[in-house]
Amino acid sequence: MSSQFKTIGIIGRVRNPGVVDTLRALVSYLQALKRNIILDADVAETLADTRLPSAPRTELGKLIDLLIVVGGDGSLLNAAHAIVHDEKPVVGINRGSLGFLTDILPSDLSKIKAILGGEYILEKRALLTATLKYHNHLIARADALNEVALIPDAVPHMTEFEIYIDDQFVCSQDSDGLIIATPTGSTAYALSAGGPILQSQLDAMVVVPMFPHTLSNRPLVIHGSAKIAIVITPNNLTSPRITCDGQECTNVPPGSHILIEKKAQSLHLIHPLDYNYYQTLRSKLHWGRKLHYTE
């Protein structure tokens, strides 16, 4: 068996009883395979009886060779934010509702053994970095695996803003907001707003208007190396908000500039060998079944 992954980190959504059961099964399975295990601090508190070493989530990536996340896609998103700078590979065991990113079932732990033995598919998923400035002063900076979203304040209002791509003016817009999504995020918030599905390995991003006040605004697919600038015009009477992957929201006062660009580091996502992207789309989005013709 390959020794590539000697030390395994484990993160899980411990508030879910089903996740805790899977965490215990996973720990026992890895111990039987004689792997070193380091638990996320929250998991270690829940599984205190295992007496395994632990580390804060933000430090875990420096200590491990592979991270296993037990939970749903949201759990993997949170883990990605914590370890992306270390670019350690991540594999997900699905205890959520969708499972676009966490594609191993709790009953299929044998796939973990195969991955530890070197049998896997590795994908490098792009992230975005959003930088918010007001009068050239840095207000906030955050990363997104799925999307950067400009959304209304607590009371919905149309927002007036301008979009620039690589310093070229694209358009002015009055709308509820805007979503800038990676290929990974094209099946998330952007999809519900009417955006296209981007194949996960495309070097691209999609710009999706949210309820634009014109029939001519449509989603726009652009190169992944493009730099997008959003200018919130001074005409706005209220401040919209910006959020990355639905996490903390930051107020964006009129006159602010938002720069969005691809992050230098990527998420190294591991799948079992039987992973099929289009099968995942069919099963999660309930597309039509394959027709079998008889002659």
C-alpha atoms as a PDB file:
ATOM      1  CA  MET A   1       0.000   0.000   0.000  1.00  0.00           C
ATOM      2  CA  SER A   2       1.233   3.499  -0.837  1.00  0.00           C
ATOM      3  CA  SER A   3       2.733   5.512   2.011  1.00  0.00           C
ATOM      4  CA  GLN A   4       1.875   8.833   0.354  1.00  0.00           C
ATOM      5  CA  PHE A   5      -0.803   9.623   2.940  1.00  0.00           C
ATOM      6  CA  LYS A   6       0.738   8.753   6.300  1.00  0.00           C
ATOM      7  CA  THR A   7      -1.046  11.277   8.493  1.00  0.00           C
ATOM      8  CA  ILE A   8      -4.778  11.835   8.054  1.00  0.00           C
ATOM      9  CA  GLY A   9      -6.664  14.865   9.316  1.00  0.00           C
ATOM     10  CA  ILE A  10     -10.380  14.575  10.079  1.00  0.00           C
ATOM     11  CA  ILE A  11     -13.016  17.342  10.134  1.00  0.00           C
ATOM     12  CA  GLY A  12     -16.743  16.772  10.683  1.00  0.00           C
ATOM     13  CA  ARG A  13     -19.991  18.541  11.434  1.00  0.00           C
ATOM     14  CA  VAL A  14     -20.254  17.258  14.995  1.00  0.00           C
ATOM     15  CA  ARG A  15     -23.704  18.755  15.668  1.00  0.00           C
ATOM     16  CA  ASN A  16     -25.178  16.081  13.399  1.00  0.00           C
ATOM     17  CA  PRO A  17     -25.547  12.724  15.272  1.00  0.00           C
ATOM     18  CA  GLY A  18     -25.204  10.796  12.012  1.00  0.00           C
ATOM     19  CA  VAL A  19     -21.898  12.517  11.334  1.00  0.00           C
ATOM     20  CA  VAL A  20     -20.604  11.554  14.783  1.00  0.00           C
ATOM     21  CA  ASP A  21     -21.416   7.893  14.105  1.00  0.00           C
ATOM     22  CA  THR A  22     -19.530   8.073  10.794  1.00  0.00           C
ATOM     23  CA  LEU A  23     -16.579   9.828  12.454  1.00  0.00           C
ATOM     24  CA  ARG A  24     -16.265   6.983  14.966  1.00  0.00           C
ATOM     25  CA  ALA A  25     -16.461   4.376  12.200  1.00  0.00           C
ATOM     26  CA  LEU A  26     -13.857   6.274  10.163  1.00  0.00           C
ATOM     27  CA  VAL A  27     -11.445   6.559  13.093  1.00  0.00           C
ATOM     28  CA  SER A  28     -11.716   2.822  13.784  1.00  0.00           C
ATOM     29  CA  TYR A  29     -11.213   2.060  10.092  1.00  0.00           C
ATOM     30  CA  LEU A  30      -8.084   4.228   9.826  1.00  0.00           C
ATOM     31  CA  GLN A  31      -6.667   2.830  13.052  1.00  0.00           C
ATOM     32  CA  ALA A  32      -7.054  -0.685  11.630  1.00  0.00           C
ATOM     33  CA  LEU A  33      -5.052   0.516   8.622  1.00  0.00           C
ATOM     34  CA  LYS A  34      -2.389   1.830  11.038  1.00  0.00           C
ATOM     35  CA  ARG A  35      -2.607   5.446   9.867  1.00  0.00           C
ATOM     36  CA  ASN A  36      -1.683   8.422  12.020  1.00  0.00           C
ATOM     37  CA  ILE A  37      -4.745  10.540  12.781  1.00  0.00           C
ATOM     38  CA  ILE A  38      -5.057  14.187  13.824  1.00  0.00           C
ATOM     39  CA  LEU A  39      -8.534  15.449  14.653  1.00  0.00           C
ATOM     40  CA  ASP A  40      -9.931  18.920  14.192  1.00  0.00           C
ATOM     41  CA  ALA A  41     -10.328  20.479  17.661  1.00  0.00           C
ATOM     42  CA  ASP A  42     -14.152  20.313  17.538  1.00  0.00           C
ATOM     43  CA  VAL A  43     -14.080  16.647  16.520  1.00  0.00           C
ATOM     44  CA  ALA A  44     -11.528  15.877  19.234  1.00  0.00           C
ATOM     45  CA  GLU A  45     -13.827  17.364  21.872  1.00  0.00           C
ATOM     46  CA  THR A  46     -16.709  15.190  20.670  1.00  0.00           C
ATOM     47  CA  LEU A  47     -14.544  12.060  20.401  1.00  0.00           C
ATOM     48  CA  ALA A  48     -12.584  12.740  23.581  1.00  0.00           C
ATOM     49  CA  ASP A  49     -12.580   9.039  24.479  1.00  0.00           C
ATOM     50  CA  THR A  50     -10.390   8.245  21.440  1.00  0.00           C
ATOM     51  CA  ARG A  51      -7.537  10.295  22.980  1.00  0.00           C
ATOM     52  CA  LEU A  52      -6.229  11.147  19.527  1.00  0.00           C
ATOM     53  CA  PRO A  53      -4.057  14.224  18.909  1.00  0.00           C
ATOM     54  CA  SER A  54      -5.848  17.349  17.703  1.00  0.00           C
ATOM     55  CA  ALA A  55      -5.135  20.752  16.196  1.00  0.00           C
ATOM     56  CA  PRO A  56      -7.067  23.944  15.440  1.00  0.00           C
ATOM     57  CA  ARG A  57      -8.641  23.822  11.995  1.00  0.00           C
ATOM     58  CA  THR A  58      -6.437  26.629  10.707  1.00  0.00           C
ATOM     59  CA  GLU A  59      -3.291  24.676  11.673  1.00  0.00           C
ATOM     60  CA  LEU A  60      -4.410  21.227  10.551  1.00  0.00           C
ATOM     61  CA  GLY A  61      -3.209  21.570   6.959  1.00  0.00           C
ATOM     62  CA  LYS A  62       0.398  22.003   8.067  1.00  0.00           C
ATOM     63  CA  LEU A  63       0.410  18.693   9.963  1.00  0.00           C
ATOM     64  CA  ILE A  64      -1.302  16.231   7.633  1.00  0.00           C
ATOM     65  CA  ASP A  65      -0.935  14.552   4.238  1.00  0.00           C
ATOM     66  CA  LEU A  66      -4.655  14.114   3.553  1.00  0.00           C
ATOM     67  CA  LEU A  67      -7.828  15.676   4.966  1.00  0.00           C
ATOM     68  CA  ILE A  68     -11.086  13.720   5.227  1.00  0.00           C
ATOM     69  CA  VAL A  69     -14.239  15.788   5.708  1.00  0.00           C
ATOM     70  CA  VAL A  70     -17.381  14.091   7.048  1.00  0.00           C
ATOM     71  CA  GLY A  71     -20.545  16.071   6.348  1.00  0.00           C
ATOM     72  CA  GLY A  72     -22.140  17.853   3.422  1.00  0.00           C
ATOM     73  CA  ASP A  73     -20.840  20.241   0.804  1.00  0.00           C
ATOM     74  CA  GLY A  74     -21.042  23.090   3.330  1.00  0.00           C
ATOM     75  CA  SER A  75     -18.659  21.240   5.633  1.00  0.00           C
ATOM     76  CA  LEU A  76     -16.199  20.761   2.795  1.00  0.00           C
ATOM     77  CA  LEU A  77     -16.495  24.443   1.839  1.00  0.00           C
ATOM     78  CA  ASN A  78     -15.610  25.451   5.391  1.00  0.00           C
ATOM     79  CA  ALA A  79     -12.678  23.043   5.430  1.00  0.00           C
ATOM     80  CA  ALA A  80     -11.437  24.367   2.085  1.00  0.00           C
ATOM     81  CA  HIS A  81     -11.300  27.900   3.496  1.00  0.00           C
ATOM     82  CA  ALA A  82      -9.195  26.672   6.409  1.00  0.00           C
ATOM     83  CA  ILE A  83      -6.566  24.635   4.543  1.00  0.00           C
ATOM     84  CA  VAL A  84      -6.406  26.013   0.988  1.00  0.00           C
ATOM     85  CA  HIS A  85      -3.114  27.827   1.641  1.00  0.00           C
ATOM     86  CA  ASP A  86      -1.486  24.476   2.434  1.00  0.00           C
ATOM     87  CA  GLU A  87      -2.936  22.846  -0.726  1.00  0.00           C
ATOM     88  CA  LYS A  88      -3.282  19.464   0.971  1.00  0.00           C
ATOM     89  CA  PRO A  89      -5.666  17.028  -0.770  1.00  0.00           C
ATOM     90  CA  VAL A  90      -9.209  16.716   0.550  1.00  0.00           C
ATOM     91  CA  VAL A  91     -11.734  13.889   0.264  1.00  0.00           C
ATOM     92  CA  GLY A  92     -15.352  14.086   1.419  1.00  0.00           C
ATOM     93  CA  ILE A  93     -17.641  11.497   3.018  1.00  0.00           C
ATOM     94  CA  ASN A  94     -21.197  12.621   2.388  1.00  0.00           C
ATOM     95  CA  ARG A  95     -23.601  13.040   5.312  1.00  0.00           C
ATOM     96  CA  GLY A  96     -25.414  15.991   3.725  1.00  0.00           C
ATOM     97  CA  SER A  97     -28.284  16.403   1.277  1.00  0.00           C
ATOM     98  CA  LEU A  98     -26.508  17.096  -2.036  1.00  0.00           C
ATOM     99  CA  GLY A  99     -22.952  15.782  -2.171  1.00  0.00           C
ATOM    100  CA  PHE A 100     -21.527  17.562  -5.218  1.00  0.00           C
ATOM    101  CA  LEU A 101     -18.163  17.729  -3.421  1.00  0.00           C
ATOM    102  CA  THR A 102     -18.497  14.961  -0.810  1.00  0.00           C
ATOM    103  CA  ASP A 103     -19.076  11.924  -2.983  1.00  0.00           C
ATOM    104  CA  ILE A 104     -18.159   8.890  -0.818  1.00  0.00           C
ATOM    105  CA  LEU A 105     -21.007   7.274   1.105  1.00  0.00           C
ATOM    106  CA  PRO A 106     -20.484   6.274   4.769  1.00  0.00           C
ATOM    107  CA  SER A 107     -21.104   2.662   3.745  1.00  0.00           C
ATOM    108  CA  ASP A 108     -18.219   2.795   1.226  1.00  0.00           C
ATOM    109  CA  LEU A 109     -15.200   3.248   3.495  1.00  0.00           C
ATOM    110  CA  SER A 110     -13.373   0.695   1.340  1.00  0.00           C
ATOM    111  CA  LYS A 111     -12.982   3.559  -1.143  1.00  0.00           C
ATOM    112  CA  ILE A 112     -10.934   5.377   1.493  1.00  0.00           C
ATOM    113  CA  LYS A 113      -8.608   2.365   1.642  1.00  0.00           C
ATOM    114  CA  ALA A 114      -8.255   2.456  -2.161  1.00  0.00           C
ATOM    115  CA  ILE A 115      -7.439   6.179  -2.047  1.00  0.00           C
ATOM    116  CA  LEU A 116      -4.794   5.582   0.630  1.00  0.00           C
ATOM    117  CA  GLY A 117      -3.349   2.975  -1.706  1.00  0.00           C
ATOM    118  CA  GLY A 118      -2.983   5.509  -4.508  1.00  0.00           C
ATOM    119  CA  GLU A 119      -6.167   4.711  -6.437  1.00  0.00           C
ATOM    120  CA  TYR A 120      -7.940   8.024  -6.925  1.00  0.00           C
ATOM    121  CA  ILE A 121      -8.718  10.940  -9.235  1.00  0.00           C
ATOM    122  CA  LEU A 122      -7.255  14.321  -8.288  1.00  0.00           C
ATOM    123  CA  GLU A 123      -8.935  17.561  -9.358  1.00  0.00           C
ATOM    124  CA  LYS A 124      -7.616  21.059  -8.752  1.00  0.00           C
ATOM    125  CA  ARG A 125     -10.599  23.321  -8.147  1.00  0.00           C
ATOM    126  CA  ALA A 126     -10.140  27.082  -8.556  1.00  0.00           C
ATOM    127  CA  LEU A 127     -11.019  29.612  -5.869  1.00  0.00           C
ATOM    128  CA  LEU A 128     -11.702  33.339  -6.105  1.00  0.00           C
ATOM    129  CA  THR A 129     -10.396  36.174  -3.956  1.00  0.00           C
ATOM    130  CA  ALA A 130     -12.616  39.223  -3.435  1.00  0.00           C
ATOM    131  CA  THR A 131     -11.074  42.500  -2.242  1.00  0.00           C
ATOM    132  CA  LEU A 132     -13.304  45.350  -1.070  1.00  0.00           C
ATOM    133  CA  LYS A 133     -11.926  48.899  -0.993  1.00  0.00           C
ATOM    134  CA  TYR A 134     -13.532  52.209  -0.088  1.00  0.00           C
ATOM    135  CA  HIS A 135     -11.650  55.358  -1.108  1.00  0.00           C
ATOM    136  CA  ASN A 136      -8.579  53.128  -1.667  1.00  0.00           C
ATOM    137  CA  HIS A 137      -8.721  51.827   1.914  1.00  0.00           C
ATOM    138  CA  LEU A 138      -8.931  48.056   2.333  1.00  0.00           C
ATOM    139  CA  ILE A 139     -12.209  47.088   4.009  1.00  0.00           C
ATOM    140  CA  ALA A 140     -12.237  43.307   3.598  1.00  0.00           C
ATOM    141  CA  ARG A 141     -10.680  40.410   1.695  1.00  0.00           C
ATOM    142  CA  ALA A 142     -11.993  36.852   1.515  1.00  0.00           C
ATOM    143  CA  ASP A 143     -11.818  33.698  -0.609  1.00  0.00           C
ATOM    144  CA  ALA A 144     -14.595  31.727  -2.291  1.00  0.00           C
ATOM    145  CA  LEU A 145     -14.688  28.184  -3.630  1.00  0.00           C
ATOM    146  CA  ASN A 146     -18.240  28.552  -4.944  1.00  0.00           C
ATOM    147  CA  GLU A 147     -19.049  32.205  -5.482  1.00  0.00           C
ATOM    148  CA  VAL A 148     -18.686  35.838  -4.573  1.00  0.00           C
ATOM    149  CA  ALA A 149     -22.158  37.360  -4.308  1.00  0.00           C
ATOM    150  CA  LEU A 150     -23.244  40.990  -4.180  1.00  0.00           C
ATOM    151  CA  ILE A 151     -26.610  40.874  -2.427  1.00  0.00           C
ATOM    152  CA  PRO A 152     -29.162  43.417  -1.106  1.00  0.00           C
ATOM    153  CA  ASP A 153     -29.176  44.797   2.403  1.00  0.00           C
ATOM    154  CA  ALA A 154     -31.659  43.397   4.938  1.00  0.00           C
ATOM    155  CA  VAL A 155     -34.425  45.331   3.128  1.00  0.00           C
ATOM    156  CA  PRO A 156     -34.229  44.474  -0.600  1.00  0.00           C
ATOM    157  CA  HIS A 157     -33.344  47.384  -2.868  1.00  0.00           C
ATOM    158  CA  MET A 158     -32.152  47.586  -6.440  1.00  0.00           C
ATOM    159  CA  THR A 159     -28.431  48.322  -6.572  1.00  0.00           C
ATOM    160  CA  GLU A 160     -26.776  50.413  -9.273  1.00  0.00           C
ATOM    161  CA  PHE A 161     -23.256  49.329 -10.174  1.00  0.00           C
ATOM    162  CA  GLU A 162     -20.768  49.123 -13.023  1.00  0.00           C
ATOM    163  CA  ILE A 163     -18.846  46.053 -14.172  1.00  0.00           C
ATOM    164  CA  TYR A 164     -15.320  46.094 -15.626  1.00  0.00           C
ATOM    165  CA  ILE A 165     -13.377  43.087 -16.898  1.00  0.00           C
ATOM    166  CA  ASP A 166      -9.611  43.470 -17.297  1.00  0.00           C
ATOM    167  CA  ASP A 167     -10.051  47.255 -16.986  1.00  0.00           C
ATOM    168  CA  GLN A 168     -12.546  47.360 -19.847  1.00  0.00           C
ATOM    169  CA  PHE A 169     -16.031  48.705 -19.174  1.00  0.00           C
ATOM    170  CA  VAL A 170     -18.660  45.976 -19.652  1.00  0.00           C
ATOM    171  CA  CYS A 171     -21.978  47.444 -18.524  1.00  0.00           C
ATOM    172  CA  SER A 172     -23.959  49.384 -15.969  1.00  0.00           C
ATOM    173  CA  GLN A 173     -26.624  47.465 -14.138  1.00  0.00           C
ATOM    174  CA  ASP A 174     -29.629  47.986 -11.904  1.00  0.00           C
ATOM    175  CA  SER A 175     -30.418  44.694 -10.184  1.00  0.00           C
ATOM    176  CA  ASP A 176     -30.743  42.912  -6.863  1.00  0.00           C
ATOM    177  CA  GLY A 177     -27.081  41.995  -7.155  1.00  0.00           C
ATOM    178  CA  LEU A 178     -24.500  39.897  -8.946  1.00  0.00           C
ATOM    179  CA  ILE A 179     -22.931  36.434  -8.591  1.00  0.00           C
ATOM    180  CA  ILE A 180     -19.386  35.657  -9.728  1.00  0.00           C
ATOM    181  CA  ALA A 181     -18.981  31.877  -9.627  1.00  0.00           C
ATOM    182  CA  THR A 182     -16.235  29.344 -10.229  1.00  0.00           C
ATOM    183  CA  PRO A 183     -16.979  26.149 -12.202  1.00  0.00           C
ATOM    184  CA  THR A 184     -17.462  24.452  -8.805  1.00  0.00           C
ATOM    185  CA  GLY A 185     -19.981  27.132  -7.804  1.00  0.00           C
ATOM    186  CA  SER A 186     -21.825  27.034 -11.117  1.00  0.00           C
ATOM    187  CA  THR A 187     -24.019  24.249  -9.681  1.00  0.00           C
ATOM    188  CA  ALA A 188     -24.763  26.213  -6.491  1.00  0.00           C
ATOM    189  CA  TYR A 189     -26.193  29.731  -5.979  1.00  0.00           C
ATOM    190  CA  ALA A 190     -25.394  30.761  -9.564  1.00  0.00           C
ATOM    191  CA  LEU A 191     -27.463  27.877 -10.951  1.00  0.00           C
ATOM    192  CA  SER A 192     -30.538  28.948  -8.961  1.00  0.00           C
ATOM    193  CA  ALA A 193     -30.116  32.455 -10.418  1.00  0.00           C
ATOM    194  CA  GLY A 194     -30.275  31.101 -13.966  1.00  0.00           C
ATOM    195  CA  GLY A 195     -26.564  30.666 -14.673  1.00  0.00           C
ATOM    196  CA  PRO A 196     -25.030  27.905 -16.822  1.00  0.00           C
ATOM    197  CA  ILE A 197     -23.289  24.772 -15.546  1.00  0.00           C
ATOM    198  CA  LEU A 198     -19.539  24.944 -16.166  1.00  0.00           C
ATOM    199  CA  GLN A 199     -17.595  21.692 -16.395  1.00  0.00           C
ATOM    200  CA  SER A 200     -15.518  21.510 -13.221  1.00  0.00           C
ATOM    201  CA  GLN A 201     -12.087  21.617 -14.923  1.00  0.00           C
ATOM    202  CA  LEU A 202     -12.741  24.658 -17.116  1.00  0.00           C
ATOM    203  CA  ASP A 203     -10.458  27.644 -16.557  1.00  0.00           C
ATOM    204  CA  ALA A 204     -13.417  29.999 -16.455  1.00  0.00           C
ATOM    205  CA  MET A 205     -15.849  31.872 -14.248  1.00  0.00           C
ATOM    206  CA  VAL A 206     -19.425  32.972 -14.763  1.00  0.00           C
ATOM    207  CA  VAL A 207     -20.991  36.384 -14.107  1.00  0.00           C
ATOM    208  CA  VAL A 208     -24.703  36.047 -13.279  1.00  0.00           C
ATOM    209  CA  PRO A 209     -26.996  39.062 -12.704  1.00  0.00           C
ATOM    210  CA  MET A 210     -29.638  38.692  -9.991  1.00  0.00           C
ATOM    211  CA  PHE A 211     -33.065  39.936 -11.099  1.00  0.00           C
ATOM    212  CA  PRO A 212     -31.723  42.623 -13.482  1.00  0.00           C
ATOM    213  CA  HIS A 213     -34.039  45.518 -14.317  1.00  0.00           C
ATOM    214  CA  THR A 214     -33.705  44.854 -18.045  1.00  0.00           C
ATOM    215  CA  LEU A 215     -34.369  41.894 -20.321  1.00  0.00           C
ATOM    216  CA  SER A 216     -30.995  42.235 -22.073  1.00  0.00           C
ATOM    217  CA  ASN A 217     -28.758  41.208 -19.147  1.00  0.00           C
ATOM    218  CA  ARG A 218     -27.673  37.592 -19.406  1.00  0.00           C
ATOM    219  CA  PRO A 219     -25.036  35.411 -17.692  1.00  0.00           C
ATOM    220  CA  LEU A 220     -21.542  35.859 -19.079  1.00  0.00           C
ATOM    221  CA  VAL A 221     -18.801  33.197 -19.112  1.00  0.00           C
ATOM    222  CA  ILE A 222     -15.260  34.602 -19.059  1.00  0.00           C
ATOM    223  CA  HIS A 223     -11.698  33.297 -18.810  1.00  0.00           C
ATOM    224  CA  GLY A 224     -10.523  32.198 -15.382  1.00  0.00           C
ATOM    225  CA  SER A 225      -7.570  34.609 -15.414  1.00  0.00           C
ATOM    226  CA  ALA A 226      -9.799  37.655 -15.911  1.00  0.00           C
ATOM    227  CA  LYS A 227      -9.996  40.371 -13.259  1.00  0.00           C
ATOM    228  CA  ILE A 228     -13.474  41.651 -12.502  1.00  0.00           C
ATOM    229  CA  ALA A 229     -14.095  45.035 -10.915  1.00  0.00           C
ATOM    230  CA  ILE A 230     -17.492  46.067  -9.562  1.00  0.00           C
ATOM    231  CA  VAL A 231     -18.026  49.752  -8.784  1.00  0.00           C
ATOM    232  CA  ILE A 232     -20.959  50.597  -6.500  1.00  0.00           C
ATOM    233  CA  THR A 233     -22.038  53.992  -7.812  1.00  0.00           C
ATOM    234  CA  PRO A 234     -22.446  56.956  -5.445  1.00  0.00           C
ATOM    235  CA  ASN A 235     -26.109  57.223  -6.551  1.00  0.00           C
ATOM    236  CA  ASN A 236     -27.131  54.343  -4.273  1.00  0.00           C
ATOM    237  CA  LEU A 237     -29.056  55.350  -1.162  1.00  0.00           C
ATOM    238  CA  THR A 238     -28.409  52.048   0.645  1.00  0.00           C
ATOM    239  CA  SER A 239     -25.403  49.746   1.001  1.00  0.00           C
ATOM    240  CA  PRO A 240     -25.568  46.254  -0.512  1.00  0.00           C
ATOM    241  CA  ARG A 241     -23.531  43.435   1.030  1.00  0.00           C
ATOM    242  CA  ILE A 242     -20.873  41.099  -0.261  1.00  0.00           C
ATOM    243  CA  THR A 243     -20.466  37.489   0.823  1.00  0.00           C
ATOM    244  CA  CYS A 244     -18.100  34.671  -0.141  1.00  0.00           C
ATOM    245  CA  ASP A 245     -19.621  31.177  -0.139  1.00  0.00           C
ATOM    246  CA  GLY A 246     -22.535  32.462   1.967  1.00  0.00           C
ATOM    247  CA  GLN A 247     -20.296  33.126   4.941  1.00  0.00           C
ATOM    248  CA  GLU A 248     -19.869  36.506   6.651  1.00  0.00           C
ATOM    249  CA  CYS A 249     -21.573  39.456   4.961  1.00  0.00           C
ATOM    250  CA  THR A 250     -19.798  42.819   4.668  1.00  0.00           C
ATOM    251  CA  ASN A 251     -21.574  46.098   3.931  1.00  0.00           C
ATOM    252  CA  VAL A 252     -20.477  47.765   0.696  1.00  0.00           C
ATOM    253  CA  PRO A 253     -21.016  51.541   0.914  1.00  0.00           C
ATOM    254  CA  PRO A 254     -21.745  53.580  -2.242  1.00  0.00           C
ATOM    255  CA  GLY A 255     -18.486  54.478  -3.961  1.00  0.00           C
ATOM    256  CA  SER A 256     -16.819  51.162  -3.072  1.00  0.00           C
ATOM    257  CA  HIS A 257     -14.780  49.054  -5.472  1.00  0.00           C
ATOM    258  CA  ILE A 258     -14.760  45.240  -5.436  1.00  0.00           C
ATOM    259  CA  LEU A 259     -11.972  43.359  -7.228  1.00  0.00           C
ATOM    260  CA  ILE A 260     -12.499  39.651  -7.931  1.00  0.00           C
ATOM    261  CA  GLU A 261      -9.747  37.418  -9.321  1.00  0.00           C
ATOM    262  CA  LYS A 262      -8.627  33.791  -9.283  1.00  0.00           C
ATOM    263  CA  LYS A 263      -6.662  32.782  -6.193  1.00  0.00           C
ATOM    264  CA  ALA A 264      -3.111  31.510  -6.687  1.00  0.00           C
ATOM    265  CA  GLN A 265      -3.768  28.389  -4.587  1.00  0.00           C
ATOM    266  CA  SER A 266      -6.368  25.795  -5.524  1.00  0.00           C
ATOM    267  CA  LEU A 267      -8.360  23.153  -3.683  1.00  0.00           C
ATOM    268  CA  HIS A 268      -6.925  19.678  -4.318  1.00  0.00           C
ATOM    269  CA  LEU A 269     -10.073  17.544  -4.343  1.00  0.00           C
ATOM    270  CA  ILE A 270      -9.815  13.747  -4.394  1.00  0.00           C
ATOM    271  CA  HIS A 271     -12.459  11.409  -5.848  1.00  0.00           C
ATOM    272  CA  PRO A 272     -12.627   7.601  -5.968  1.00  0.00           C
ATOM    273  CA  LEU A 273     -11.813   5.996  -9.314  1.00  0.00           C
ATOM    274  CA  ASP A 274     -15.490   5.420 -10.134  1.00  0.00           C
ATOM    275  CA  TYR A 275     -16.267   9.160  -9.899  1.00  0.00           C
ATOM    276  CA  ASN A 276     -18.295  10.420 -12.861  1.00  0.00           C
ATOM    277  CA  TYR A 277     -19.032  14.157 -13.036  1.00  0.00           C
ATOM    278  CA  TYR A 278     -22.039  13.773 -15.309  1.00  0.00           C
ATOM    279  CA  GLN A 279     -23.484  10.976 -13.197  1.00  0.00           C
ATOM    280  CA  THR A 280     -23.204  13.358 -10.245  1.00  0.00           C
ATOM    281  CA  LEU A 281     -25.135  16.014 -12.177  1.00  0.00           C
ATOM    282  CA  ARG A 282     -27.809  13.510 -13.133  1.00  0.00           C
ATOM    283  CA  SER A 283     -28.280  12.178  -9.619  1.00  0.00           C
ATOM    284  CA  LYS A 284     -28.141  15.540  -7.814  1.00  0.00           C
ATOM    285  CA  LEU A 285     -30.086  17.657 -10.330  1.00  0.00           C
ATOM    286  CA  HIS A 286     -32.533  14.898 -11.310  1.00  0.00           C
ATOM    287  CA  TRP A 287     -31.846  14.997 -15.016  1.00  0.00           C
ATOM    288  CA  GLY A 288     -33.571  12.495 -17.292  1.00  0.00           C
ATOM    289  CA  ARG A 289     -32.438   8.896 -17.275  1.00  0.00           C
ATOM    290  CA  LYS A 290     -30.548   7.309 -20.142  1.00  0.00           C
ATOM    291  CA  LEU A 291     -32.862   5.726 -22.672  1.00  0.00           C
ATOM    292  CA  HIS A 292     -32.203   2.126 -23.694  1.00  0.00           C
ATOM    293  CA  TYR A 293     -33.386   1.342 -27.185  1.00  0.00           C
ATOM    294  CA  THR A 294     -34.305  -2.122 -28.393  1.00  0.00           C
ATOM    295  CA  GLU A 295     -34.208  -3.196 -32.022  1.00  0.00           C
END
